[in-house]
Every structure is written in C-alpha cells, then in structure tokens.
N, C-alpha and C. Protein backbone atom coordinates (compact mmCIF):
# COMPACT_ATOMS: atom_id res chain seq x y z
N MET A 1 37.91 29.96 38.35
CA MET A 1 36.55 30.20 37.25
C MET A 1 36.11 28.87 37.20
N PRO A 2 34.46 28.83 37.31
CA PRO A 2 33.73 28.18 37.11
C PRO A 2 33.29 27.10 35.80
N ARG A 3 32.82 25.61 36.23
CA ARG A 3 33.16 25.08 35.10
C ARG A 3 31.67 25.87 33.93
N SER A 4 32.02 25.96 32.89
CA SER A 4 30.74 26.39 31.98
C SER A 4 30.07 25.00 30.79
N VAL A 5 28.42 24.99 31.10
CA VAL A 5 28.27 23.11 30.05
C VAL A 5 27.37 23.53 29.80
N ASN A 6 26.81 25.06 29.65
CA ASN A 6 25.72 25.90 28.62
C ASN A 6 24.26 24.48 28.81
N ALA A 7 24.23 24.00 30.33
CA ALA A 7 23.26 22.96 30.71
C ALA A 7 21.23 23.65 29.87
N VAL A 8 21.46 25.32 29.25
CA VAL A 8 20.18 25.27 28.89
C VAL A 8 20.19 24.87 27.15
N ALA A 9 20.98 24.83 26.39
CA ALA A 9 21.18 24.24 24.98
C ALA A 9 21.48 22.83 25.33
N SER A 10 21.88 21.84 26.23
CA SER A 10 22.40 20.87 25.68
C SER A 10 20.44 19.72 26.26
N ARG A 11 20.21 20.84 27.36
CA ARG A 11 18.64 20.02 27.85
C ARG A 11 17.89 20.63 26.41
N ALA A 12 17.85 21.12 25.37
CA ALA A 12 17.17 21.87 24.36
C ALA A 12 17.45 20.91 23.37
N ARG A 13 18.52 20.73 23.30
CA ARG A 13 18.66 19.37 22.00
C ARG A 13 17.93 18.32 22.49
N ARG A 14 18.44 17.45 23.48
CA ARG A 14 17.61 16.21 24.31
C ARG A 14 16.15 16.40 24.16
N LYS A 15 15.44 17.44 24.51
CA LYS A 15 14.76 17.71 24.11
C LYS A 15 13.74 17.68 22.84
N LYS A 16 14.34 18.14 22.14
CA LYS A 16 14.08 17.87 20.64
C LYS A 16 14.03 16.64 20.11
N ILE A 17 15.10 15.53 20.55
CA ILE A 17 15.02 14.52 19.97
C ILE A 17 14.38 13.64 20.85
N LEU A 18 13.77 14.02 22.21
CA LEU A 18 12.68 12.64 22.56
C LEU A 18 11.41 13.38 22.29
N LYS A 19 11.43 14.77 21.48
CA LYS A 19 10.09 14.44 21.44
C LYS A 19 9.95 14.02 19.94
N ALA A 20 10.88 13.88 19.18
CA ALA A 20 10.94 13.08 17.59
C ALA A 20 10.76 11.66 17.83
N VAL A 21 10.95 11.27 19.10
CA VAL A 21 11.21 9.76 18.85
C VAL A 21 9.52 9.15 19.64
N LYS A 22 8.63 10.21 20.42
CA LYS A 22 7.42 10.28 21.29
C LYS A 22 6.67 9.11 20.23
N GLY A 23 6.09 8.37 21.16
CA GLY A 23 5.42 7.21 20.42
C GLY A 23 6.40 5.98 20.37
N GLN A 24 7.78 6.03 20.28
CA GLN A 24 8.07 4.67 19.87
C GLN A 24 7.88 3.69 21.18
N PHE A 25 8.17 2.29 20.64
CA PHE A 25 8.28 1.20 22.52
C PHE A 25 9.02 1.18 22.82
N GLY A 26 8.73 1.32 24.09
CA GLY A 26 10.19 0.46 25.42
C GLY A 26 10.77 1.85 25.25
N ARG A 27 12.31 1.73 26.29
CA ARG A 27 12.91 2.95 26.40
C ARG A 27 13.19 3.78 24.86
N ARG A 28 13.16 3.58 23.79
CA ARG A 28 13.45 4.14 22.53
C ARG A 28 12.34 5.53 23.11
N LYS A 29 11.54 5.86 23.72
CA LYS A 29 10.50 7.13 23.76
C LYS A 29 11.62 7.87 25.19
N ASN A 30 12.26 7.15 25.67
CA ASN A 30 12.37 7.84 27.33
C ASN A 30 13.91 7.91 27.59
N VAL A 31 14.51 6.85 27.41
CA VAL A 31 15.84 7.15 27.42
C VAL A 31 17.07 7.57 26.36
N TRP A 32 17.57 8.86 27.02
CA TRP A 32 18.16 9.31 26.55
C TRP A 32 19.14 8.60 25.24
N THR A 33 19.97 7.51 25.62
CA THR A 33 20.71 7.08 25.09
C THR A 33 20.21 6.32 23.89
N VAL A 34 19.18 5.35 24.32
CA VAL A 34 18.51 4.80 23.41
C VAL A 34 17.65 5.16 22.61
N ALA A 35 17.01 6.46 23.38
CA ALA A 35 16.40 7.57 22.05
C ALA A 35 17.27 7.89 21.04
N LYS A 36 18.24 8.61 21.30
CA LYS A 36 19.23 9.16 20.41
C LYS A 36 19.63 7.68 19.47
N ASN A 37 19.85 7.02 19.60
CA ASN A 37 20.98 5.72 19.22
C ASN A 37 18.80 5.57 17.81
N ALA A 38 18.02 5.70 18.61
CA ALA A 38 16.74 5.30 17.39
C ALA A 38 16.55 6.46 16.85
N TYR A 39 16.50 7.74 16.85
CA TYR A 39 16.71 8.81 16.04
C TYR A 39 17.50 8.56 14.91
N GLU A 40 18.69 8.40 15.59
CA GLU A 40 19.90 8.31 14.01
C GLU A 40 19.37 7.13 13.18
N LYS A 41 19.19 6.24 13.54
CA LYS A 41 18.87 4.47 12.63
C LYS A 41 17.91 5.10 11.83
N GLY A 42 16.30 6.11 12.57
CA GLY A 42 15.41 5.99 11.85
C GLY A 42 15.62 7.47 11.15
N GLY A 43 16.51 8.32 11.35
CA GLY A 43 16.77 8.90 9.69
C GLY A 43 17.55 8.59 8.83
N VAL A 44 18.44 7.12 8.56
CA VAL A 44 18.43 6.44 8.03
C VAL A 44 17.98 5.85 7.14
N TYR A 45 17.11 5.40 7.83
CA TYR A 45 15.89 4.70 7.26
C TYR A 45 15.23 5.26 6.66
N ALA A 46 15.01 6.83 7.15
CA ALA A 46 14.32 7.63 6.18
C ALA A 46 14.72 8.21 4.91
N TYR A 47 15.98 8.28 4.83
CA TYR A 47 17.38 8.47 3.53
C TYR A 47 16.95 7.77 2.57
N ARG A 48 17.23 6.26 3.29
CA ARG A 48 17.11 4.95 2.42
C ARG A 48 15.63 5.05 1.58
N ASP A 49 15.03 5.05 2.78
CA ASP A 49 13.39 4.89 1.61
C ASP A 49 13.25 5.90 0.76
N ARG A 50 13.27 6.91 1.29
CA ARG A 50 12.99 8.20 -0.19
C ARG A 50 13.80 7.88 -0.95
N LYS A 51 14.43 7.19 -1.62
CA LYS A 51 15.11 6.57 -2.82
C LYS A 51 14.05 5.31 -3.16
N THR A 52 13.74 4.57 -2.19
CA THR A 52 13.16 3.21 -2.41
C THR A 52 11.91 3.16 -2.69
N LYS A 53 11.30 4.49 -2.27
CA LYS A 53 9.94 5.32 -2.89
C LYS A 53 9.82 5.35 -3.98
N LYS A 54 10.25 5.78 -4.84
CA LYS A 54 10.54 6.09 -6.31
C LYS A 54 10.99 4.82 -7.00
N ARG A 55 11.67 3.71 -5.84
CA ARG A 55 11.64 2.61 -6.92
C ARG A 55 10.61 1.73 -7.46
N ASN A 56 9.65 2.16 -5.81
CA ASN A 56 8.76 1.23 -5.74
C ASN A 56 7.49 1.70 -6.72
N PHE A 57 7.23 3.47 -6.73
CA PHE A 57 6.10 4.00 -7.42
C PHE A 57 6.42 3.32 -9.15
N ARG A 58 7.69 3.77 -9.43
CA ARG A 58 7.66 3.37 -10.66
C ARG A 58 7.65 1.95 -11.27
N ALA A 59 7.91 1.03 -10.35
CA ALA A 59 7.72 -0.50 -11.05
C ALA A 59 5.88 -0.26 -10.84
N LEU A 60 5.32 0.30 -9.75
CA LEU A 60 3.51 0.00 -9.64
C LEU A 60 3.26 0.68 -11.34
N TRP A 61 3.90 1.77 -11.35
CA TRP A 61 3.04 2.26 -12.34
C TRP A 61 3.41 1.47 -14.01
N ILE A 62 4.65 0.91 -13.83
CA ILE A 62 5.13 -0.20 -14.88
C ILE A 62 3.82 -1.37 -15.17
N THR A 63 3.76 -1.47 -13.82
CA THR A 63 2.41 -2.75 -13.49
C THR A 63 1.50 -2.11 -14.64
N ARG A 64 0.94 -0.81 -14.52
CA ARG A 64 -0.29 -0.84 -14.22
C ARG A 64 -0.79 -0.40 -16.02
N ILE A 65 0.55 0.32 -16.72
CA ILE A 65 0.31 0.07 -17.88
C ILE A 65 0.53 -1.12 -19.03
N ASN A 66 1.32 -1.75 -18.27
CA ASN A 66 1.07 -2.81 -18.98
C ASN A 66 -0.11 -3.51 -18.51
N ALA A 67 -1.21 -3.42 -17.53
CA ALA A 67 -2.38 -4.42 -17.77
C ALA A 67 -3.01 -4.07 -18.85
N GLY A 68 -2.67 -2.33 -18.43
CA GLY A 68 -3.48 -1.53 -19.54
C GLY A 68 -3.62 -1.69 -20.50
N THR A 69 -2.41 -2.01 -21.59
CA THR A 69 -2.07 -2.14 -22.92
C THR A 69 -2.22 -3.53 -23.27
N ARG A 70 -2.01 -4.20 -22.20
CA ARG A 70 -2.39 -6.13 -22.56
C ARG A 70 -4.04 -5.82 -22.93
N GLU A 71 -4.57 -5.26 -22.64
CA GLU A 71 -6.52 -5.02 -22.75
C GLU A 71 -6.21 -5.53 -24.33
N TYR A 72 -5.80 -4.22 -25.08
CA TYR A 72 -5.35 -3.95 -26.39
C TYR A 72 -4.71 -4.81 -27.00
N GLY A 73 -4.09 -6.11 -26.83
CA GLY A 73 -3.21 -7.04 -27.26
C GLY A 73 -1.71 -6.21 -27.34
N MET A 74 -1.60 -5.15 -26.59
CA MET A 74 0.42 -4.64 -27.20
C MET A 74 0.76 -5.07 -25.63
N SER A 75 2.06 -5.30 -25.46
CA SER A 75 3.08 -5.05 -24.51
C SER A 75 3.52 -4.21 -24.44
N TYR A 76 3.89 -3.84 -22.71
CA TYR A 76 4.32 -2.67 -21.96
C TYR A 76 5.54 -2.29 -23.34
N SER A 77 6.72 -3.21 -23.13
CA SER A 77 7.73 -2.56 -24.07
C SER A 77 7.35 -2.09 -25.59
N VAL A 78 6.52 -3.00 -25.93
CA VAL A 78 5.91 -2.54 -27.50
C VAL A 78 5.60 -0.92 -27.41
N PHE A 79 4.69 -1.38 -26.52
CA PHE A 79 3.84 0.50 -26.17
C PHE A 79 4.98 1.70 -25.94
N MET A 80 5.61 1.47 -25.31
CA MET A 80 6.70 2.20 -24.82
C MET A 80 7.59 2.99 -25.97
N GLY A 81 7.71 1.88 -26.57
CA GLY A 81 8.75 1.76 -27.72
C GLY A 81 8.07 2.52 -29.01
N LYS A 82 6.74 2.62 -29.23
CA LYS A 82 5.90 3.40 -30.54
C LYS A 82 5.71 4.63 -29.53
N LEU A 83 5.67 4.70 -28.39
CA LEU A 83 5.05 5.56 -27.86
C LEU A 83 6.46 6.83 -28.50
N HIS A 84 8.06 6.44 -28.15
CA HIS A 84 8.75 6.88 -27.99
C HIS A 84 8.77 7.53 -29.44
N ALA A 85 8.88 6.58 -30.33
CA ALA A 85 9.09 6.86 -31.61
C ALA A 85 7.71 7.79 -32.10
N ARG A 86 7.03 8.24 -32.07
CA ARG A 86 5.97 9.20 -32.13
C ARG A 86 6.04 10.70 -31.13
N ASN A 87 7.30 10.43 -30.25
CA ASN A 87 7.17 11.86 -29.56
C ASN A 87 5.99 11.90 -29.22
N ILE A 88 5.76 10.99 -27.92
CA ILE A 88 4.30 11.39 -27.21
C ILE A 88 5.21 12.02 -26.01
N GLU A 89 5.23 12.66 -25.19
CA GLU A 89 6.09 12.93 -23.98
C GLU A 89 5.16 13.12 -22.72
N LEU A 90 4.29 11.83 -22.56
CA LEU A 90 3.61 11.55 -21.38
C LEU A 90 4.41 10.55 -20.79
N ASP A 91 4.79 10.76 -19.14
CA ASP A 91 5.27 10.05 -18.43
C ASP A 91 4.68 8.78 -17.54
N ARG A 92 5.53 7.97 -16.93
CA ARG A 92 4.62 6.90 -16.55
C ARG A 92 3.71 7.17 -15.77
N LYS A 93 3.86 8.04 -14.56
CA LYS A 93 2.82 7.82 -13.91
C LYS A 93 1.64 8.54 -14.50
N VAL A 94 1.64 9.57 -15.48
CA VAL A 94 0.26 10.63 -15.92
C VAL A 94 -0.41 8.89 -16.71
N LEU A 95 0.34 8.28 -17.48
CA LEU A 95 0.55 6.57 -18.56
C LEU A 95 -1.07 5.43 -17.40
N ALA A 96 -0.34 5.90 -16.44
CA ALA A 96 -0.52 4.74 -15.22
C ALA A 96 -2.11 5.40 -14.33
N ASP A 97 -1.76 6.68 -14.39
CA ASP A 97 -3.45 7.14 -13.84
C ASP A 97 -4.07 7.46 -14.96
N LEU A 98 -3.60 7.65 -16.42
CA LEU A 98 -5.14 7.39 -17.22
C LEU A 98 -5.36 5.70 -17.75
N ALA A 99 -4.28 4.94 -17.40
CA ALA A 99 -4.83 3.81 -17.57
C ALA A 99 -5.77 3.26 -16.15
N LEU A 100 -5.59 3.55 -15.24
CA LEU A 100 -6.42 3.24 -14.62
C LEU A 100 -7.52 4.06 -14.26
N ASN A 101 -7.76 5.04 -14.59
CA ASN A 101 -8.67 6.03 -13.86
C ASN A 101 -9.64 6.80 -14.87
N ASN A 102 -9.31 6.67 -16.73
CA ASN A 102 -9.63 6.85 -17.29
C ASN A 102 -9.38 6.20 -18.69
N PRO A 103 -9.62 4.85 -18.54
CA PRO A 103 -9.75 4.00 -19.64
C PRO A 103 -9.96 4.51 -20.91
N THR A 104 -10.60 5.26 -21.20
CA THR A 104 -11.35 5.59 -22.94
C THR A 104 -10.23 6.38 -23.49
N ALA A 105 -9.57 7.33 -22.27
CA ALA A 105 -8.47 8.53 -22.53
C ALA A 105 -6.95 7.24 -23.01
N PHE A 106 -6.58 6.17 -22.55
CA PHE A 106 -5.69 5.77 -22.07
C PHE A 106 -6.01 4.67 -23.41
N LYS A 107 -7.54 4.29 -24.07
CA LYS A 107 -7.37 3.53 -25.25
C LYS A 107 -7.08 4.43 -26.39
N ALA A 108 -7.64 5.70 -26.40
CA ALA A 108 -7.00 6.65 -27.50
C ALA A 108 -5.55 6.65 -28.19
N ILE A 109 -4.91 6.96 -26.59
CA ILE A 109 -3.27 6.65 -26.76
C ILE A 109 -2.96 5.48 -27.61
N VAL A 110 -3.39 4.31 -27.22
CA VAL A 110 -2.87 3.13 -27.32
C VAL A 110 -3.15 2.82 -28.69
N ASP A 111 -4.46 3.68 -29.22
CA ASP A 111 -4.79 3.37 -30.52
C ASP A 111 -4.05 4.61 -31.34
N LEU A 112 -3.34 5.10 -31.00
CA LEU A 112 -2.77 6.47 -31.48
C LEU A 112 -1.07 5.86 -32.43
N VAL A 113 -0.45 4.94 -31.38
CA VAL A 113 1.09 4.46 -31.72
C VAL A 113 0.47 2.99 -32.13
N LYS A 114 -0.81 2.51 -32.39
CA LYS A 114 -0.70 1.34 -33.08
C LYS A 114 -0.12 1.67 -34.04
C-alpha cells in the first residue's frame, strides 16, 4: 500500500503561516522553519503584550488624572479616595478623557468631591 502524506493539508498549513509572516525581514518571510519559529514567537509576544497594554494604559490614565487634579490643588490619591467615598462610579479611562478633552466637566467633578 502506498504511503499517504496528505500534501494538500501540509501545503495549506505552510501557506497559512508563510502568509502570516509576510513582510518580515530576511529568511523569516520565506524559509519554512525560520518562518514557523518567527510565527510562534510572535504569538508569544502578542499574548504577553495584550496584558502589558492594559497595564500601560492604566498608568497613562493615572498620570493624566493626577495632572488634572494637581491644577486644582489635589493629589491623585486624595481625589480617588474622595471619589470612592462619594460613591461616584467613574472609571479611570473616563476620568482621564475628561481631564484631557473636557476640563470644565472635570473641574465640576473635582469641585463635587472637594
């Protein structure tokens, strides 16, 4: 009985990965073993950095809120503490957006918690 290797599926699998690494530098884009390693490593980086992105944005929002509250003589930690004490349910993303794009609304919130 002849050996069956299913070349159609193997070729399709290789084409899928080579298409995913298209545009990379050097042999990473056209040599199967190098491309496969680059694809797998890229997946590891993507998984890791989806978590890191959340961390980075939270730090950015905190920085923006802190800068906004300092204009009115209050620190970030005091502001957030008073916000929670008043049961105002605004998250950091919304507060940072208000501090940056709508200073009058942000000032109203700061005056409310003072």
